[in-house]
N, C-alpha and C. Protein backbone atom coordinates (compact mmCIF):
# COMPACT_ATOMS: atom_id res chain seq x y z
N MET A 1 1.06 -1.26 0.12
CA MET A 1 -0.09 0.17 0.01
C MET A 1 0.88 1.21 0.13
N SER A 2 0.10 2.43 -0.32
CA SER A 2 1.03 3.29 -0.60
C SER A 2 0.39 5.12 0.00
N ASP A 3 0.56 5.92 0.71
CA ASP A 3 0.02 7.50 1.23
C ASP A 3 1.21 8.10 1.32
N SER A 4 0.66 9.13 1.84
CA SER A 4 2.43 10.10 1.84
C SER A 4 1.88 10.68 2.90
N LEU A 5 3.06 11.50 3.51
CA LEU A 5 3.30 12.40 4.90
C LEU A 5 2.68 13.77 4.67
N SER A 6 2.11 14.37 5.32
CA SER A 6 1.85 15.86 5.60
C SER A 6 2.60 16.63 4.78
N ASN A 7 3.84 16.04 4.74
CA ASN A 7 5.01 17.04 3.53
C ASN A 7 4.94 16.60 2.32
N GLY A 8 4.25 15.90 1.80
CA GLY A 8 3.94 15.16 0.68
C GLY A 8 4.60 13.87 0.48
N ARG A 9 6.26 13.79 0.91
CA ARG A 9 6.63 12.67 0.86
C ARG A 9 5.89 11.10 0.90
N ARG A 10 6.04 10.14 0.14
CA ARG A 10 5.63 8.80 -0.17
C ARG A 10 6.17 8.02 0.09
N PHE A 11 4.84 7.15 1.47
CA PHE A 11 5.82 5.75 1.93
C PHE A 11 4.82 4.84 1.23
N ARG A 12 5.17 3.76 2.43
CA ARG A 12 4.74 3.14 1.49
C ARG A 12 4.30 1.49 2.94
N VAL A 13 3.44 0.64 2.72
CA VAL A 13 3.23 -0.30 3.94
C VAL A 13 2.96 -1.39 3.35
N LEU A 14 3.66 -1.91 4.46
CA LEU A 14 3.63 -3.89 4.52
C LEU A 14 3.23 -4.70 5.01
N ASN A 15 1.66 -4.91 4.38
CA ASN A 15 1.20 -5.57 5.40
C ASN A 15 1.03 -7.35 4.82
N VAL A 16 1.79 -7.87 6.04
CA VAL A 16 1.19 -8.94 5.95
C VAL A 16 0.34 -10.14 6.44
N MET A 17 -0.39 -11.15 6.54
CA MET A 17 -1.52 -11.39 7.46
C MET A 17 -1.53 -13.19 6.97
N ASP A 18 -1.54 -13.91 8.14
CA ASP A 18 -2.14 -15.14 7.98
C ASP A 18 -3.13 -15.53 7.60
N ASP A 19 -3.71 -16.11 6.44
CA ASP A 19 -4.36 -16.44 6.45
C ASP A 19 -5.42 -17.27 7.31
N TYR A 20 -4.67 -18.44 7.66
CA TYR A 20 -5.24 -19.71 8.70
C TYR A 20 -6.66 -18.79 9.36
N ASN A 21 -6.14 -18.01 10.56
CA ASN A 21 -6.44 -17.07 11.54
C ASN A 21 -6.86 -15.74 11.06
N ARG A 22 -6.52 -15.16 9.71
CA ARG A 22 -6.93 -14.18 8.90
C ARG A 22 -5.88 -12.87 9.79
N GLU A 23 -4.82 -12.70 11.13
CA GLU A 23 -4.24 -12.46 12.23
C GLU A 23 -2.85 -11.39 10.57
N SER A 24 -3.06 -10.09 11.55
CA SER A 24 -2.53 -9.10 10.71
C SER A 24 -1.14 -9.36 11.62
N LEU A 25 -0.12 -9.55 11.19
CA LEU A 25 1.38 -9.92 11.17
C LEU A 25 2.15 -8.97 11.39
N ILE A 26 2.07 -8.00 10.38
CA ILE A 26 2.92 -7.68 10.05
C ILE A 26 2.03 -5.94 9.56
N ASN A 27 2.53 -4.22 9.75
CA ASN A 27 1.72 -2.99 9.10
C ASN A 27 2.82 -2.48 9.62
N GLU A 28 3.89 -2.45 8.54
CA GLU A 28 4.65 -1.67 9.05
C GLU A 28 5.23 -0.44 7.64
N ALA A 29 5.13 0.88 7.89
CA ALA A 29 5.54 1.45 6.97
C ALA A 29 7.48 1.80 6.78
N PHE A 30 7.47 2.00 5.57
CA PHE A 30 8.74 2.83 5.03
C PHE A 30 8.87 3.61 3.81
N PHE A 31 10.14 4.43 3.30
CA PHE A 31 9.90 4.92 2.35
C PHE A 31 9.77 4.51 1.07
N SER A 32 10.41 2.79 1.53
CA SER A 32 10.35 1.79 0.16
C SER A 32 10.65 0.63 0.45
N ILE A 33 10.02 -0.39 -0.14
CA ILE A 33 10.07 -1.75 0.21
C ILE A 33 11.30 -2.36 -0.60
N PRO A 34 12.43 -2.74 -0.43
CA PRO A 34 13.39 -3.07 -1.40
C PRO A 34 13.35 -4.72 -0.78
N GLY A 35 13.61 -5.42 -1.41
CA GLY A 35 13.34 -6.94 -0.95
C GLY A 35 14.40 -7.56 -0.04
N VAL A 36 15.54 -6.72 -0.34
CA VAL A 36 16.36 -7.15 1.58
C VAL A 36 15.42 -6.70 2.66
N LYS A 37 15.10 -5.21 2.54
CA LYS A 37 14.22 -5.10 3.35
C LYS A 37 12.63 -6.08 4.05
N LEU A 38 12.12 -6.49 2.99
CA LEU A 38 11.30 -7.57 2.82
C LEU A 38 12.04 -8.57 3.33
N VAL A 39 12.90 -9.14 3.36
CA VAL A 39 13.25 -10.48 3.77
C VAL A 39 13.45 -10.13 5.29
N GLN A 40 14.14 -8.87 5.32
CA GLN A 40 14.42 -8.72 6.93
C GLN A 40 13.19 -9.04 7.63
N LYS A 41 12.18 -8.29 7.26
CA LYS A 41 10.92 -8.28 8.06
C LYS A 41 10.72 -9.85 8.19
N LEU A 42 10.80 -10.32 7.46
CA LEU A 42 10.16 -12.04 7.07
C LEU A 42 10.71 -12.96 7.84
N LYS A 43 12.32 -12.61 8.41
CA LYS A 43 13.04 -13.50 9.23
C LYS A 43 12.57 -13.12 10.81
N GLU A 44 12.49 -11.51 10.65
CA GLU A 44 12.19 -11.42 12.17
C GLU A 44 11.21 -11.94 12.18
N LEU A 45 9.53 -12.15 12.14
CA LEU A 45 8.55 -12.43 11.76
C LEU A 45 8.60 -13.47 12.54
N ILE A 46 9.25 -14.92 11.38
CA ILE A 46 10.08 -16.60 11.55
C ILE A 46 10.68 -16.74 12.67
N PHE A 47 11.60 -15.72 13.59
CA PHE A 47 12.01 -15.90 14.62
C PHE A 47 11.08 -16.20 15.64
N SER A 48 10.13 -15.47 15.68
CA SER A 48 8.62 -15.58 16.57
C SER A 48 7.40 -16.12 16.33
N ARG A 49 7.48 -16.78 15.18
CA ARG A 49 6.81 -18.08 14.79
C ARG A 49 6.83 -18.74 13.43
N PRO A 50 6.02 -20.09 13.65
CA PRO A 50 6.57 -21.09 12.37
C PRO A 50 6.97 -20.14 11.56
N LYS A 51 8.06 -20.90 10.34
CA LYS A 51 7.85 -20.34 9.03
C LYS A 51 6.94 -20.76 8.17
N PRO A 52 6.24 -20.14 7.05
CA PRO A 52 5.28 -20.57 6.76
C PRO A 52 5.25 -21.72 5.30
N LYS A 53 4.23 -22.43 5.19
CA LYS A 53 4.48 -23.61 4.12
C LYS A 53 4.93 -22.83 2.47
N ARG A 54 4.14 -21.83 2.07
CA ARG A 54 3.78 -20.75 1.04
C ARG A 54 3.26 -19.47 1.41
N ILE A 55 3.82 -18.23 0.45
CA ILE A 55 3.35 -17.25 0.70
C ILE A 55 2.50 -16.65 -0.28
N ARG A 56 1.21 -16.19 -0.49
CA ARG A 56 0.77 -15.77 -1.52
C ARG A 56 1.10 -14.24 -1.65
N THR A 57 1.47 -13.95 -2.87
CA THR A 57 1.63 -12.66 -2.99
C THR A 57 1.20 -11.64 -4.40
N ASP A 58 0.89 -10.62 -4.49
CA ASP A 58 1.14 -9.74 -6.11
C ASP A 58 2.57 -9.60 -6.24
N ASN A 59 2.58 -9.29 -7.70
CA ASN A 59 3.87 -9.40 -8.58
C ASN A 59 5.12 -7.54 -8.34
N GLY A 60 4.38 -7.44 -7.01
CA GLY A 60 4.85 -5.90 -7.07
C GLY A 60 6.59 -6.21 -6.85
N PRO A 61 7.53 -5.40 -6.77
CA PRO A 61 8.53 -5.36 -7.38
C PRO A 61 9.21 -5.97 -5.84
N GLU A 62 9.08 -5.74 -5.34
CA GLU A 62 10.05 -6.19 -3.78
C GLU A 62 9.36 -8.15 -3.79
N PHE A 63 8.06 -8.60 -4.11
CA PHE A 63 8.19 -9.75 -4.13
C PHE A 63 8.62 -10.55 -5.29
N VAL A 64 9.17 -9.64 -6.89
CA VAL A 64 9.55 -10.60 -7.88
C VAL A 64 11.01 -10.49 -7.88
N SER A 65 11.72 -9.81 -6.67
CA SER A 65 13.19 -9.98 -6.36
C SER A 65 13.96 -10.93 -5.95
N LYS A 66 15.18 -10.81 -6.33
CA LYS A 66 16.39 -11.68 -6.48
C LYS A 66 16.18 -12.21 -5.28
N VAL A 67 16.27 -11.30 -4.02
CA VAL A 67 16.86 -11.60 -2.82
C VAL A 67 15.77 -11.93 -1.82
N PHE A 68 13.92 -11.63 -2.50
CA PHE A 68 12.79 -12.63 -1.92
C PHE A 68 12.39 -13.91 -2.33
N ILE A 69 12.95 -14.27 -3.53
CA ILE A 69 12.66 -15.33 -4.53
C ILE A 69 13.76 -16.34 -4.19
N GLU A 70 15.08 -15.79 -4.23
CA GLU A 70 15.86 -16.58 -3.27
C GLU A 70 15.88 -17.24 -1.87
N PHE A 71 15.06 -16.19 -1.54
CA PHE A 71 15.09 -16.26 0.24
C PHE A 71 13.95 -17.52 0.09
N CYS A 72 12.66 -17.91 -0.25
CA CYS A 72 11.66 -18.03 -0.18
C CYS A 72 12.62 -19.98 -0.90
N SER A 73 13.28 -19.67 -1.82
CA SER A 73 13.77 -21.18 -1.86
C SER A 73 14.67 -21.56 -1.01
N LYS A 74 15.54 -20.73 -0.79
CA LYS A 74 16.61 -21.82 0.79
C LYS A 74 15.78 -22.25 1.91
N ASN A 75 14.57 -21.60 2.08
CA ASN A 75 14.21 -21.78 3.23
C ASN A 75 12.52 -23.04 2.83
N ASP A 76 12.51 -23.11 1.83
CA ASP A 76 11.22 -23.96 1.37
C ASP A 76 10.20 -23.97 1.65
N ILE A 77 9.93 -22.48 1.19
CA ILE A 77 8.44 -21.71 1.26
C ILE A 77 8.52 -21.49 -0.36
N GLU A 78 7.15 -21.33 -0.27
CA GLU A 78 6.41 -21.76 -1.84
C GLU A 78 6.01 -20.66 -1.90
N LEU A 79 5.82 -20.30 -2.98
CA LEU A 79 5.82 -18.74 -3.37
C LEU A 79 4.28 -18.72 -4.37
N GLN A 80 3.25 -17.84 -3.95
CA GLN A 80 2.65 -17.83 -5.09
C GLN A 80 2.44 -17.10 -5.68
N TYR A 81 2.02 -16.46 -6.73
CA TYR A 81 2.14 -15.09 -7.10
C TYR A 81 0.37 -15.10 -7.93
N ILE A 82 -0.36 -14.15 -7.59
CA ILE A 82 -1.51 -14.23 -8.53
C ILE A 82 -1.19 -13.46 -9.61
N GLN A 83 -2.32 -13.41 -10.23
CA GLN A 83 -2.29 -13.07 -11.71
C GLN A 83 -3.07 -11.54 -11.78
N PRO A 84 -1.82 -11.17 -12.48
CA PRO A 84 -1.67 -9.73 -12.31
C PRO A 84 -2.96 -9.39 -12.85
N GLY A 85 -3.67 -8.17 -12.27
CA GLY A 85 -4.75 -7.11 -12.24
C GLY A 85 -5.89 -7.97 -11.70
N LYS A 86 -5.62 -9.50 -10.81
CA LYS A 86 -6.95 -10.14 -10.62
C LYS A 86 -6.77 -10.07 -8.70
N PRO A 87 -6.89 -9.33 -8.22
CA PRO A 87 -6.37 -9.01 -7.02
C PRO A 87 -7.66 -10.43 -5.88
N SER A 88 -8.52 -10.72 -6.40
CA SER A 88 -9.13 -10.95 -5.50
C SER A 88 -8.85 -12.45 -5.20
N GLN A 89 -7.56 -12.63 -5.96
CA GLN A 89 -7.18 -14.50 -5.51
C GLN A 89 -6.40 -14.23 -4.45
N ASN A 90 -6.42 -12.99 -3.95
CA ASN A 90 -5.74 -12.89 -2.56
C ASN A 90 -6.65 -12.11 -1.48
N ALA A 91 -7.58 -12.59 -1.78
CA ALA A 91 -8.89 -11.78 -0.68
C ALA A 91 -9.13 -11.61 0.14
N TYR A 92 -8.34 -12.07 1.17
CA TYR A 92 -7.87 -11.89 2.48
C TYR A 92 -7.07 -10.59 2.87
N ILE A 93 -5.87 -10.38 2.28
CA ILE A 93 -5.09 -8.98 2.50
C ILE A 93 -5.44 -8.09 1.82
N GLU A 94 -6.80 -7.93 0.72
CA GLU A 94 -7.05 -7.49 -0.03
C GLU A 94 -8.14 -6.52 0.70
N ARG A 95 -8.70 -7.68 1.69
CA ARG A 95 -10.02 -6.87 2.62
C ARG A 95 -9.33 -6.11 3.73
N LEU A 96 -8.31 -7.09 4.36
CA LEU A 96 -6.86 -6.14 5.45
C LEU A 96 -6.53 -4.92 4.99
N ASN A 97 -6.06 -4.75 3.68
CA ASN A 97 -5.93 -3.64 3.25
C ASN A 97 -7.15 -2.76 3.30
N ARG A 98 -7.50 -2.78 2.62
CA ARG A 98 -9.13 -2.25 2.55
C ARG A 98 -9.40 -1.63 4.09
N THR A 99 -9.56 -2.48 5.00
CA THR A 99 -9.85 -1.74 6.56
C THR A 99 -8.80 -0.97 6.96
N PHE A 100 -7.44 -1.32 6.38
CA PHE A 100 -6.47 -0.49 7.06
C PHE A 100 -6.10 0.68 6.65
N ARG A 101 -6.52 0.60 4.93
CA ARG A 101 -6.64 2.09 5.05
C ARG A 101 -7.78 3.00 5.26
N GLU A 102 -9.24 2.33 5.55
CA GLU A 102 -10.45 3.11 5.95
C GLU A 102 -10.23 3.64 7.19
N ASP A 103 -9.12 2.78 8.24
CA ASP A 103 -9.24 3.03 9.51
C ASP A 103 -8.07 3.66 9.95
N VAL A 104 -6.83 3.82 9.07
CA VAL A 104 -5.90 4.43 9.07
C VAL A 104 -4.89 5.56 8.51
N LEU A 105 -4.94 5.12 7.13
CA LEU A 105 -4.30 6.29 6.47
C LEU A 105 -5.15 7.08 5.83
N ASP A 106 -6.89 6.76 5.96
CA ASP A 106 -7.27 7.67 5.54
C ASP A 106 -8.10 8.20 6.91
N ALA A 107 -7.99 8.12 8.15
CA ALA A 107 -7.98 8.37 9.39
C ALA A 107 -7.33 9.34 9.72
N TYR A 108 -6.14 9.50 9.54
CA TYR A 108 -5.24 10.19 10.04
C TYR A 108 -4.00 11.45 9.13
N LEU A 109 -3.65 12.12 9.28
CA LEU A 109 -2.78 13.02 8.42
C LEU A 109 -1.24 13.34 9.31
N PHE A 110 -0.75 11.89 8.64
CA PHE A 110 0.35 11.56 9.43
C PHE A 110 1.97 12.54 9.38
N GLY A 111 2.81 12.81 10.10
CA GLY A 111 3.80 14.16 10.16
C GLY A 111 4.96 12.91 9.79
N SER A 112 5.22 12.08 10.51
CA SER A 112 6.18 10.53 10.32
C SER A 112 6.05 9.32 10.32
N LEU A 113 7.35 8.69 9.70
CA LEU A 113 6.96 7.20 9.43
C LEU A 113 7.07 6.63 11.45
N PRO A 114 7.61 7.39 11.89
CA PRO A 114 7.65 6.78 13.13
C PRO A 114 5.90 7.12 13.81
N GLU A 115 4.96 7.86 13.42
CA GLU A 115 3.75 7.98 13.80
C GLU A 115 3.07 7.19 13.19
N VAL A 116 2.97 6.79 12.16
CA VAL A 116 2.35 6.41 10.69
C VAL A 116 2.47 4.62 11.69
N ASN A 117 3.94 3.93 11.99
CA ASN A 117 3.72 2.99 12.27
C ASN A 117 3.58 2.67 13.94
N ALA A 118 3.14 3.92 14.81
CA ALA A 118 2.65 3.66 16.21
C ALA A 118 1.11 3.57 15.84
N ILE A 119 0.92 4.42 15.38
CA ILE A 119 -0.70 4.23 15.22
C ILE A 119 -0.93 2.68 14.34
N SER A 120 0.03 2.33 13.31
CA SER A 120 -0.65 0.90 12.58
C SER A 120 -0.33 -0.24 13.43
N TYR A 121 0.49 0.30 14.84
CA TYR A 121 0.77 -1.07 15.56
C TYR A 121 -0.57 -0.86 16.40
N GLU A 122 -0.68 0.16 16.90
CA GLU A 122 -2.07 0.06 18.23
C GLU A 122 -3.03 -0.11 17.27
N TRP A 123 -3.65 -0.19 15.83
CA TRP A 123 -4.34 -0.89 15.01
C TRP A 123 -4.16 -2.14 14.82
N GLN A 124 -2.97 -2.70 14.75
CA GLN A 124 -3.13 -4.52 14.48
C GLN A 124 -3.41 -4.92 15.60
N ILE A 125 -3.48 -4.22 17.16
CA ILE A 125 -3.20 -4.96 18.02
C ILE A 125 -5.22 -5.40 18.40
N ASP A 126 -5.28 -3.37 17.71
CA ASP A 126 -7.11 -4.04 18.46
C ASP A 126 -7.60 -4.70 16.55
N TYR A 127 -7.24 -4.40 16.15
CA TYR A 127 -8.14 -6.16 14.81
C TYR A 127 -7.15 -6.87 15.39
N ASN A 128 -6.53 -7.69 15.63
CA ASN A 128 -6.67 -8.62 16.14
C ASN A 128 -7.10 -9.42 17.70
N SER A 129 -7.32 -8.52 18.32
CA SER A 129 -8.02 -8.78 19.20
C SER A 129 -9.22 -8.56 19.12
N ASN A 130 -10.39 -7.26 18.04
CA ASN A 130 -10.79 -7.06 18.12
C ASN A 130 -12.39 -7.80 17.00
N HIS A 131 -11.65 -7.82 16.15
CA HIS A 131 -12.55 -7.81 14.54
C HIS A 131 -12.80 -9.54 14.32
N PRO A 132 -14.33 -9.26 14.66
CA PRO A 132 -14.28 -10.66 14.42
C PRO A 132 -14.96 -11.12 12.36
N TYR A 133 -14.74 -12.40 12.18
CA TYR A 133 -14.52 -12.96 10.82
C TYR A 133 -16.47 -13.64 11.01
N LYS A 134 -17.18 -13.62 10.19
CA LYS A 134 -17.99 -14.63 9.82
C LYS A 134 -17.24 -15.89 9.76
N SER A 135 -16.45 -15.75 8.88
CA SER A 135 -16.09 -17.55 8.77
C SER A 135 -15.01 -17.82 9.76
N LEU A 136 -14.30 -17.18 11.14
CA LEU A 136 -13.75 -17.70 12.05
C LEU A 136 -14.96 -17.74 13.07
N ASN A 137 -15.92 -18.00 12.63
CA ASN A 137 -17.09 -18.07 13.81
C ASN A 137 -17.56 -17.49 14.67
N GLY A 138 -17.34 -15.86 14.16
CA GLY A 138 -17.88 -14.87 14.85
C GLY A 138 -16.72 -14.43 15.70
N LEU A 139 -15.45 -14.81 15.56
CA LEU A 139 -14.82 -14.46 16.42
C LEU A 139 -13.36 -13.98 15.80
N SER A 140 -12.74 -13.31 16.37
CA SER A 140 -11.70 -12.35 16.40
C SER A 140 -10.05 -13.74 15.90
N PRO A 141 -8.95 -12.81 15.81
CA PRO A 141 -8.09 -13.76 14.79
C PRO A 141 -7.33 -14.30 16.43
N TRP A 142 -7.09 -13.70 16.83
CA TRP A 142 -6.36 -14.05 18.37
C TRP A 142 -7.74 -14.93 19.08
N LEU A 143 -8.50 -14.41 19.12
CA LEU A 143 -9.71 -15.73 19.72
C LEU A 143 -9.64 -17.19 19.00
N TYR A 144 -9.59 -17.32 17.47
CA TYR A 144 -9.90 -17.89 17.14
C TYR A 144 -8.94 -18.59 16.82
N LEU A 145 -7.40 -18.28 16.89
CA LEU A 145 -6.26 -19.23 17.22
C LEU A 145 -6.24 -19.68 18.02
N ASN A 146 -6.70 -18.81 20.09
CA ASN A 146 -6.88 -19.72 20.77
C ASN A 146 -7.30 -20.38 21.47
N LYS A 147 -8.54 -20.56 20.58
CA LYS A 147 -9.78 -21.40 20.43
C LYS A 147 -8.61 -22.94 19.70
N SER A 148 -8.31 -22.65 18.46
CA SER A 148 -7.81 -23.76 17.97
C SER A 148 -6.86 -24.35 18.43
N LEU A 149 -5.99 -23.48 19.12
CA LEU A 149 -4.38 -24.58 20.21
C LEU A 149 -5.41 -25.15 21.43
N ILE A 150 -6.62 -25.09 22.19
CA ILE A 150 -7.47 -25.70 22.49
C ILE A 150 -7.99 -26.95 22.44
N THR A 151 -8.17 -26.70 21.29
CA THR A 151 -9.28 -28.27 20.48
C THR A 151 -8.23 -28.54 20.40
């Protein structure tokens, strides 16, 4: 996703979610997201949770970069690219992106990246704690995950 600060400087937001429980895993803003930064954020994520079996994404430059493709290959992570112009093939993240755009990017005028990231983090906690999904039996991502771990 992209937006701009109040001074006009553009920034991009990396949103990552877990399709299993619709959990928002990363919502972080950067002035650019080269493949190296993407891989760094994924390594940080994998440090604290299981490595994904596959990653479904669009064909953005960071996702087709050599460093990202090599990282996935070395870590036995299957890459699933959606067809260009077919965002419905990645509907879960598109819904998350829409909600993030409405609740965060369109709701605030940002002066700095730290401000974007602070508000994004607060939103992420609220989203994972309180955003119910019909497909998760009306539970939020974290409640659904906790219930599935107990069962």
